Amino acid sequence: MIEYENYGKLESLAELENAIEMGLDIEFLLYDMRYNISWRDNKPFICECPEGVAKFFDTSELLLQRYEVGDNPLKSLWGDMKILSM
C-alpha cells in the first residue's frame, strides 16, 4: 500500500455527484483501498487501482447507489473518502 500524507475531503454527497457529472477523474482512498471514478463511452465507471476491473453504470446516480464497499453503497461512504485527485 502507498501511504499518502495529503488528501482532500468532500463537503457533501452533492459535491461528489457534481464532480462525477462534470466528468472529473476522481482518485480516492477508501478504507486503505485506492479507487478511480471516471467516464468511458459516455458512462461512469469505478475501479480499484491500479489495475482493477472497471464496473460501468448507466448514470452517476446508479454508480453511487449500486457500487458497494463492505455491503454499503458508495453514496453512504462519501464522508470516509480521502480524495487524492479530482
C-alpha atoms as a PDB file:
ATOM      1  CA  MET A   1       0.000   0.000   0.000  1.00  0.00           C
ATOM      2  CA  ILE A   2       1.164   3.507  -0.771  1.00  0.00           C
ATOM      3  CA  GLU A   3       0.861   5.908   2.109  1.00  0.00           C
ATOM      4  CA  TYR A   4      -0.370   9.410   1.348  1.00  0.00           C
ATOM      5  CA  GLU A   5       0.154  12.406   3.588  1.00  0.00           C
ATOM      6  CA  ASN A   6      -2.037  14.909   1.786  1.00  0.00           C
ATOM      7  CA  TYR A   7      -5.587  14.326   0.710  1.00  0.00           C
ATOM      8  CA  GLY A   8      -8.821  16.260   0.418  1.00  0.00           C
ATOM      9  CA  LYS A   9     -12.206  15.607   1.976  1.00  0.00           C
ATOM     10  CA  LEU A  10     -15.598  16.118   0.389  1.00  0.00           C
ATOM     11  CA  GLU A  11     -18.007  18.586   1.933  1.00  0.00           C
ATOM     12  CA  SER A  12     -21.138  16.751   0.809  1.00  0.00           C
ATOM     13  CA  LEU A  13     -22.539  13.945  -1.289  1.00  0.00           C
ATOM     14  CA  ALA A  14     -23.713  16.610  -3.752  1.00  0.00           C
ATOM     15  CA  GLU A  15     -20.089  17.686  -4.266  1.00  0.00           C
ATOM     16  CA  LEU A  16     -19.191  14.111  -5.250  1.00  0.00           C
ATOM     17  CA  GLU A  17     -22.242  13.801  -7.509  1.00  0.00           C
ATOM     18  CA  ASN A  18     -21.392  17.086  -9.254  1.00  0.00           C
ATOM     19  CA  ALA A  19     -17.746  16.117  -9.751  1.00  0.00           C
ATOM     20  CA  ILE A  20     -18.779  12.821 -11.355  1.00  0.00           C
ATOM     21  CA  GLU A  21     -21.363  14.541 -13.569  1.00  0.00           C
ATOM     22  CA  MET A  22     -18.756  17.079 -14.725  1.00  0.00           C
ATOM     23  CA  GLY A  23     -16.633  14.158 -15.886  1.00  0.00           C
ATOM     24  CA  LEU A  24     -13.779  14.729 -13.473  1.00  0.00           C
ATOM     25  CA  ASP A  25     -11.394  11.853 -12.898  1.00  0.00           C
ATOM     26  CA  ILE A  26     -11.590  11.189  -9.175  1.00  0.00           C
ATOM     27  CA  GLU A  27      -8.918   9.173  -7.409  1.00  0.00           C
ATOM     28  CA  PHE A  28      -9.521   8.403  -3.755  1.00  0.00           C
ATOM     29  CA  LEU A  29      -8.718   6.122  -0.855  1.00  0.00           C
ATOM     30  CA  LEU A  30     -11.473   4.322   0.978  1.00  0.00           C
ATOM     31  CA  TYR A  31     -10.531   2.001   3.825  1.00  0.00           C
ATOM     32  CA  ASP A  32      -6.946   1.615   2.561  1.00  0.00           C
ATOM     33  CA  MET A  33      -8.034   0.733  -0.997  1.00  0.00           C
ATOM     34  CA  ARG A  34      -7.374   3.136  -3.867  1.00  0.00           C
ATOM     35  CA  TYR A  35     -10.200   3.732  -6.379  1.00  0.00           C
ATOM     36  CA  ASN A  36     -10.785   5.720  -9.543  1.00  0.00           C
ATOM     37  CA  ILE A  37     -14.084   7.092 -10.840  1.00  0.00           C
ATOM     38  CA  SER A  38     -14.054   8.233 -14.449  1.00  0.00           C
ATOM     39  CA  TRP A  39     -16.031   8.043 -17.719  1.00  0.00           C
ATOM     40  CA  ARG A  40     -15.697   5.950 -20.870  1.00  0.00           C
ATOM     41  CA  ASP A  41     -18.156   5.604 -23.732  1.00  0.00           C
ATOM     42  CA  ASN A  42     -20.479   8.132 -22.064  1.00  0.00           C
ATOM     43  CA  LYS A  43     -20.854   6.000 -18.931  1.00  0.00           C
ATOM     44  CA  PRO A  44     -19.321   6.451 -15.496  1.00  0.00           C
ATOM     45  CA  PHE A  45     -17.241   3.651 -14.048  1.00  0.00           C
ATOM     46  CA  ILE A  46     -15.361   2.830 -10.889  1.00  0.00           C
ATOM     47  CA  CYS A  47     -12.382   0.544 -10.446  1.00  0.00           C
ATOM     48  CA  GLU A  48      -9.836  -0.373  -7.843  1.00  0.00           C
ATOM     49  CA  CYS A  49      -6.383   0.978  -8.625  1.00  0.00           C
ATOM     50  CA  PRO A  50      -4.050   0.348 -10.137  1.00  0.00           C
ATOM     51  CA  GLU A  51      -5.401  -2.500 -12.251  1.00  0.00           C
ATOM     52  CA  GLY A  52      -8.895  -3.316 -11.112  1.00  0.00           C
ATOM     53  CA  VAL A  53     -11.718  -4.240 -13.451  1.00  0.00           C
ATOM     54  CA  ALA A  54     -13.907  -1.278 -14.355  1.00  0.00           C
ATOM     55  CA  LYS A  55     -17.555  -1.541 -13.304  1.00  0.00           C
ATOM     56  CA  PHE A  56     -19.758   0.589 -15.554  1.00  0.00           C
ATOM     57  CA  PHE A  57     -23.109   2.163 -14.706  1.00  0.00           C
ATOM     58  CA  ASP A  58     -25.687   3.948 -16.832  1.00  0.00           C
ATOM     59  CA  THR A  59     -25.644   7.065 -14.631  1.00  0.00           C
ATOM     60  CA  SER A  60     -23.562   8.560 -11.855  1.00  0.00           C
ATOM     61  CA  GLU A  61     -26.546   8.192  -9.532  1.00  0.00           C
ATOM     62  CA  LEU A  62     -26.638   4.431 -10.166  1.00  0.00           C
ATOM     63  CA  LEU A  63     -22.888   4.197  -9.578  1.00  0.00           C
ATOM     64  CA  LEU A  64     -23.298   5.815  -6.167  1.00  0.00           C
ATOM     65  CA  GLN A  65     -26.349   3.683  -5.283  1.00  0.00           C
ATOM     66  CA  ARG A  66     -25.230   0.284  -6.553  1.00  0.00           C
ATOM     67  CA  TYR A  67     -21.450   0.128  -6.073  1.00  0.00           C
ATOM     68  CA  GLU A  68     -20.845  -1.247  -2.603  1.00  0.00           C
ATOM     69  CA  VAL A  69     -17.856  -1.408  -0.311  1.00  0.00           C
ATOM     70  CA  GLY A  70     -18.380  -3.720   2.652  1.00  0.00           C
ATOM     71  CA  ASP A  71     -22.122  -4.054   1.926  1.00  0.00           C
ATOM     72  CA  ASN A  72     -22.577  -0.261   1.991  1.00  0.00           C
ATOM     73  CA  PRO A  73     -23.430   1.800  -1.085  1.00  0.00           C
ATOM     74  CA  LEU A  74     -20.780   4.313  -2.088  1.00  0.00           C
ATOM     75  CA  LYS A  75     -23.271   7.154  -1.572  1.00  0.00           C
ATOM     76  CA  SER A  76     -23.284   6.441   2.165  1.00  0.00           C
ATOM     77  CA  LEU A  77     -19.466   6.350   2.384  1.00  0.00           C
ATOM     78  CA  TRP A  78     -18.582   9.710   0.805  1.00  0.00           C
ATOM     79  CA  GLY A  79     -17.537  11.160   4.169  1.00  0.00           C
ATOM     80  CA  ASP A  80     -14.859   8.480   4.583  1.00  0.00           C
ATOM     81  CA  MET A  81     -13.288   9.092   1.164  1.00  0.00           C
ATOM     82  CA  LYS A  82      -9.794  10.582   1.103  1.00  0.00           C
ATOM     83  CA  ILE A  83      -9.566  12.452  -2.204  1.00  0.00           C
ATOM     84  CA  LEU A  84      -6.144  12.151  -3.828  1.00  0.00           C
ATOM     85  CA  SER A  85      -7.003  13.988  -7.036  1.00  0.00           C
ATOM     86  CA  MET A  86     -10.063  15.419  -8.692  1.00  0.00           C
END
